[in-house]
Protein backbone atom coordinates (compact mmCIF):
# COMPACT_ATOMS: atom_id res chain seq x y z
CA MET A 1 -175.33 23.40 -172.86
CA PRO A 2 -178.83 21.84 -173.17
CA MET A 3 -179.81 21.00 -176.53
CA LYS A 4 -182.89 22.38 -178.09
CA MET A 5 -185.47 20.81 -180.61
CA HIS A 6 -187.67 23.11 -182.44
CA ILE A 7 -190.50 21.40 -184.90
CA LEU A 8 -190.88 23.72 -187.88
CA SER A 9 -193.77 23.85 -190.38
CA GLY A 10 -193.22 22.95 -194.08
CA GLY A 11 -196.88 23.61 -195.43
CA ARG A 12 -199.50 20.88 -195.93
CA LEU A 13 -200.02 18.23 -198.92
CA ARG A 14 -203.63 16.77 -199.71
CA MET A 15 -203.67 12.93 -200.52
CA ARG A 16 -205.96 10.19 -200.57
CA LYS A 17 -207.28 9.06 -197.22
CA ALA A 18 -207.32 5.41 -198.04
CA ILE A 19 -203.59 5.22 -198.56
CA TYR A 20 -203.10 5.55 -194.59
CA TYR A 21 -206.81 4.15 -193.42
CA PRO A 22 -207.91 1.21 -195.12
CA HIS A 23 -211.73 2.00 -194.47
CA ALA A 24 -211.76 5.38 -195.78
CA ALA A 25 -213.80 5.92 -199.11
CA PRO A 26 -211.61 5.78 -202.13
CA ALA A 27 -212.41 9.38 -203.19
CA GLU A 28 -211.86 10.73 -199.59
CA THR A 29 -208.74 13.10 -199.06
CA PHE A 30 -207.33 14.69 -196.25
CA GLU A 31 -204.45 17.10 -195.41
CA LEU A 32 -201.08 16.00 -193.97
CA PRO A 33 -198.56 18.54 -192.28
CA VAL A 34 -195.18 18.64 -193.71
CA SER A 35 -192.45 19.43 -191.03
CA TYR A 36 -188.63 19.18 -190.43
CA ILE A 37 -187.03 19.31 -186.88
CA LEU A 38 -184.13 21.47 -185.75
CA LEU A 39 -181.94 20.21 -183.14
CA ARG A 40 -179.52 22.98 -181.65
CA HIS A 41 -176.46 21.11 -180.12
CA ASP A 42 -173.54 22.72 -178.97
CA ARG A 43 -171.58 21.56 -181.54
CA GLY A 44 -173.74 22.35 -184.48
CA ASN A 45 -177.29 22.74 -185.79
CA VAL A 46 -178.82 19.68 -187.23
CA LEU A 47 -181.70 19.61 -189.41
CA PHE A 48 -183.88 16.52 -189.70
CA ASP A 49 -185.37 16.59 -193.41
CA THR A 50 -185.86 19.63 -195.02
CA GLY A 51 -189.43 19.67 -196.78
CA CYS A 52 -190.63 20.60 -199.96
CA HIS A 53 -188.77 23.06 -202.35
CA PRO A 54 -190.05 26.55 -202.16
CA ASP A 55 -191.21 26.40 -205.76
CA ILE A 56 -194.12 23.72 -204.86
CA GLY A 57 -195.98 26.55 -203.12
CA LYS A 58 -196.43 28.31 -206.42
CA ASP A 59 -196.71 25.35 -208.89
CA PRO A 60 -195.61 21.97 -208.33
CA ILE A 61 -196.00 20.62 -211.76
CA PRO A 62 -192.45 21.76 -213.31
CA ARG A 63 -190.85 19.98 -210.35
CA TRP A 64 -193.14 17.02 -209.41
CA GLY A 65 -194.83 16.16 -213.03
CA ASP A 66 -197.38 13.62 -212.46
CA MET A 67 -196.39 13.15 -208.67
CA ALA A 68 -198.60 16.35 -208.04
CA ARG A 69 -201.69 14.37 -208.91
CA PHE A 70 -201.07 12.04 -205.81
CA MET A 71 -199.82 14.81 -203.57
CA THR A 72 -201.27 18.30 -204.02
CA PRO A 73 -199.63 21.29 -202.15
CA VAL A 74 -201.96 23.02 -199.58
CA MET A 75 -199.64 25.82 -198.49
CA THR A 76 -198.50 29.61 -199.23
CA GLU A 77 -195.48 30.40 -201.06
CA GLY A 78 -193.47 31.31 -197.94
CA ASP A 79 -194.26 28.07 -196.15
CA HIS A 80 -190.83 26.13 -196.38
CA VAL A 81 -187.78 25.70 -194.40
CA LEU A 82 -186.00 29.00 -195.50
CA ASN A 83 -188.62 30.92 -193.70
CA SER A 84 -189.07 28.65 -190.76
CA LEU A 85 -185.43 28.72 -189.99
CA ALA A 86 -185.43 32.54 -190.32
CA CYS A 87 -188.24 32.68 -187.63
CA VAL A 88 -185.87 31.15 -184.97
CA GLY A 89 -182.86 33.31 -186.36
CA LEU A 90 -180.98 31.09 -188.27
CA SER A 91 -180.14 30.76 -191.97
CA PRO A 92 -179.39 27.86 -194.30
CA ASP A 93 -175.43 28.38 -193.62
CA ASP A 94 -176.04 27.98 -189.80
CA ILE A 95 -176.85 24.27 -190.46
CA SER A 96 -173.96 21.99 -190.15
CA HIS A 97 -175.81 18.66 -190.65
CA VAL A 98 -178.49 17.33 -192.67
CA VAL A 99 -180.23 14.25 -191.61
CA CYS A 100 -182.34 12.79 -194.60
CA SER A 101 -185.05 10.46 -192.97
CA HIS A 102 -185.38 9.26 -196.71
CA LEU A 103 -185.13 10.89 -200.01
CA HIS A 104 -188.91 11.57 -201.26
CA THR A 105 -189.45 15.08 -202.15
CA ASP A 106 -191.44 16.36 -199.25
CA HIS A 107 -188.56 15.41 -197.01
CA CYS A 108 -185.54 16.42 -199.02
CA GLY A 109 -186.66 19.25 -201.42
CA CYS A 110 -184.56 21.98 -199.76
CA ASN A 111 -181.48 20.10 -199.64
CA GLN A 112 -179.59 22.27 -202.25
CA PHE A 113 -179.78 25.34 -199.97
CA PHE A 114 -177.63 23.76 -197.01
CA THR A 115 -174.49 24.18 -198.86
CA LYS A 116 -172.22 24.18 -195.59
CA ALA A 117 -173.80 21.09 -194.18
CA LYS A 118 -172.66 17.61 -194.24
CA ILE A 119 -175.63 15.50 -195.59
CA TYR A 120 -176.28 12.16 -193.76
CA ILE A 121 -178.44 9.38 -196.06
CA HIS A 122 -178.74 5.71 -194.90
CA GLU A 123 -176.52 3.77 -197.44
CA ALA A 124 -179.61 1.60 -198.70
CA GLU A 125 -181.48 4.77 -199.37
CA LEU A 126 -178.73 5.94 -201.22
CA ALA A 127 -178.41 2.95 -203.26
CA ALA A 128 -182.18 2.88 -203.97
CA ALA A 129 -182.04 6.53 -204.95
CA ARG A 130 -179.01 5.79 -207.36
CA ALA A 131 -180.57 2.71 -208.95
CA PRO A 132 -181.61 2.69 -212.47
CA ASP A 133 -185.05 2.85 -211.50
CA GLY A 134 -184.86 5.63 -208.86
CA VAL A 135 -187.02 8.13 -210.66
CA GLN A 136 -189.74 5.59 -210.87
CA MET A 137 -189.49 4.74 -207.17
CA GLY A 138 -190.09 8.48 -206.42
CA TYR A 139 -186.38 9.59 -206.08
CA LEU A 140 -185.98 13.15 -207.75
CA PRO A 141 -181.99 13.79 -208.51
CA THR A 142 -183.08 17.51 -208.29
CA ASP A 143 -183.97 17.12 -204.51
CA TRP A 144 -180.89 15.15 -203.40
CA ASP A 145 -178.16 14.80 -205.83
CA HIS A 146 -176.14 17.98 -204.90
CA PRO A 147 -172.31 18.69 -204.59
CA MET A 148 -172.38 18.79 -200.64
CA PRO A 149 -170.71 15.98 -199.24
CA ILE A 150 -173.05 13.06 -198.37
CA GLU A 151 -172.09 10.76 -195.65
CA PRO A 152 -173.92 7.29 -196.18
CA VAL A 153 -174.56 5.94 -192.60
CA ALA A 154 -175.83 2.82 -190.99
CA ASP A 155 -178.12 1.81 -188.13
CA GLY A 156 -176.88 3.33 -184.92
CA HIS A 157 -174.98 6.06 -186.25
CA ASP A 158 -174.41 8.67 -183.39
CA VAL A 159 -174.22 12.34 -184.99
CA PHE A 160 -171.90 13.89 -182.25
CA GLY A 161 -170.80 10.68 -180.18
CA ASP A 162 -172.40 11.75 -177.25
CA GLY A 163 -175.76 9.69 -177.35
CA ARG A 164 -177.83 12.79 -178.13
CA ILE A 165 -178.63 12.38 -181.62
CA ARG A 166 -178.54 8.60 -182.56
CA LEU A 167 -179.94 7.60 -186.29
CA VAL A 168 -182.10 4.62 -186.33
CA HIS A 169 -182.75 2.54 -189.59
CA LEU A 170 -186.25 1.75 -189.97
CA PRO A 171 -187.07 0.19 -193.30
CA GLY A 172 -190.35 -0.35 -194.77
CA HIS A 173 -191.50 2.82 -196.22
CA THR A 174 -188.29 2.97 -198.14
CA PRO A 175 -185.32 0.72 -197.95
CA GLY A 176 -183.16 3.33 -196.30
CA ALA A 177 -185.73 5.11 -194.03
CA MET A 178 -184.25 6.43 -190.95
CA ALA A 179 -185.52 8.05 -187.67
CA ALA A 180 -183.47 10.03 -184.89
CA LEU A 181 -183.56 9.14 -181.36
CA VAL A 182 -183.03 12.56 -179.43
CA ARG A 183 -182.23 12.52 -175.91
CA LEU A 184 -183.20 15.91 -174.23
CA ASP A 185 -182.09 16.90 -170.82
CA ARG A 186 -185.79 18.27 -169.68
CA ASP A 187 -188.28 16.75 -171.94
CA GLY A 188 -186.60 13.38 -172.28
CA LEU A 189 -186.57 10.94 -175.27
CA PHE A 190 -188.10 11.33 -178.57
CA LEU A 191 -188.18 9.17 -181.82
CA LEU A 192 -188.65 11.34 -184.73
CA ALA A 193 -189.91 8.78 -186.93
CA SER A 194 -190.89 10.58 -190.30
CA ASP A 195 -192.61 8.38 -192.48
CA ALA A 196 -191.56 4.99 -190.72
CA VAL A 197 -194.92 6.26 -188.85
CA SER A 198 -196.47 8.48 -191.08
CA VAL A 199 -199.78 8.85 -189.00
CA ARG A 200 -200.29 7.20 -185.45
CA ALA A 201 -203.01 5.06 -186.54
CA ASN A 202 -200.81 2.88 -188.54
CA LEU A 203 -198.69 2.07 -185.60
CA ASP A 204 -201.66 1.47 -183.38
CA ASP A 205 -203.45 -1.06 -186.13
CA ASN A 206 -200.25 -2.47 -187.44
CA PHE A 207 -201.07 -1.33 -190.70
CA ALA A 208 -198.62 -0.62 -193.61
CA PRO A 209 -199.82 2.31 -195.65
CA LYS A 210 -200.58 1.53 -199.46
CA ASN A 211 -197.29 3.46 -200.19
CA THR A 212 -195.22 1.29 -198.65
CA TRP A 213 -192.00 -0.27 -200.29
CA ASN A 214 -191.81 -3.52 -198.16
CA VAL A 215 -195.02 -4.53 -195.59
CA GLU A 216 -192.76 -7.01 -193.90
CA LYS A 217 -190.18 -4.72 -193.11
CA CYS A 218 -192.56 -1.98 -192.15
CA LEU A 219 -194.21 -4.16 -189.81
CA ALA A 220 -190.79 -5.18 -188.34
CA SER A 221 -189.99 -1.58 -187.74
CA TYR A 222 -193.27 -0.87 -186.19
CA ALA A 223 -192.20 -3.56 -183.51
CA ARG A 224 -188.72 -2.05 -182.97
CA ILE A 225 -190.75 1.48 -182.34
CA ARG A 226 -192.91 -0.07 -179.97
CA ASP A 227 -190.09 -1.27 -178.26
CA LEU A 228 -188.21 2.24 -178.12
CA GLU A 229 -191.80 3.73 -176.91
CA GLN A 230 -192.00 1.35 -174.13
CA ARG A 231 -188.48 2.31 -173.07
CA GLY A 232 -189.71 6.12 -172.77
CA ALA A 233 -189.48 7.43 -176.10
CA THR A 234 -192.18 9.78 -177.56
CA VAL A 235 -192.86 9.18 -181.17
CA ILE A 236 -193.28 12.01 -183.46
CA CYS A 237 -194.95 11.08 -186.61
CA GLY A 238 -194.14 12.02 -190.04
CA HIS A 239 -197.48 13.35 -191.12
CA ASP A 240 -200.12 13.14 -188.22
CA ASN A 241 -202.34 16.05 -188.15
CA ALA A 242 -203.68 15.47 -184.77
CA GLN A 243 -200.64 15.20 -183.18
CA TRP A 244 -199.20 18.42 -185.12
CA ARG A 245 -201.95 20.28 -183.42
CA GLY A 246 -200.52 19.38 -180.04
CA LEU A 247 -196.91 20.01 -180.40
CA ARG A 248 -194.59 22.79 -179.50
CA ARG A 249 -193.93 24.55 -182.94
CA GLY A 250 -191.61 27.27 -184.26
CA ALA A 251 -189.86 29.57 -181.81
CA ASP A 252 -191.16 27.35 -179.03
CA TYR A 253 -188.98 24.38 -178.47
CA TYR A 254 -188.14 21.27 -176.27
CA ALA A 255 -185.09 20.90 -173.90
């Protein structure tokens, strides 16, 4: 049975443009899409990231605190993963696996709703989140520290053992940032890069954004991503607005 890939909307954030574009004016801001990706495999439904918690569309301060000064939600109350899944006929209980690209709040804020899923997190990311300075590094336990089983994974983990969804460690943005290399029968190879490449210009210009944990590792990950791209992978960026507008989204899908 062919696997299907749905790209789902999780609202938008407003941030300082200079974080990603070095020549932008310091006060200039821009909007970034938040997304997550559903992979409908014949052995289970895999969700790559879960986006922002539903409460963020109402008032981000109680959950995010000072972080809301740097990431301002621009979304309706209903623009979150629970409603996006409903639009393709699924509920959280239909998700068997959640892959966390990393544990920042706009990527794992809805993990708590997937109580029947196995949660995949790179072992280095889990260690960073559990470290004494984890909260100061942007890891909020309320997003990721839940009773569901967490499976720490390493580079190359094959979710179903058939080569269709392989996890790729791409550190730089965070210690354990992961992408998913997805092989579809009709539309080919995709690299779900998340914040390993937040916006396409960073990869093209070899620029590590200002919110990068380790610049050297980020640039090394860019080199690996370019190699995968040369081998035919389409790179889906974490927050690129221009790319977002051209993607099939929601009930439309790749296969």
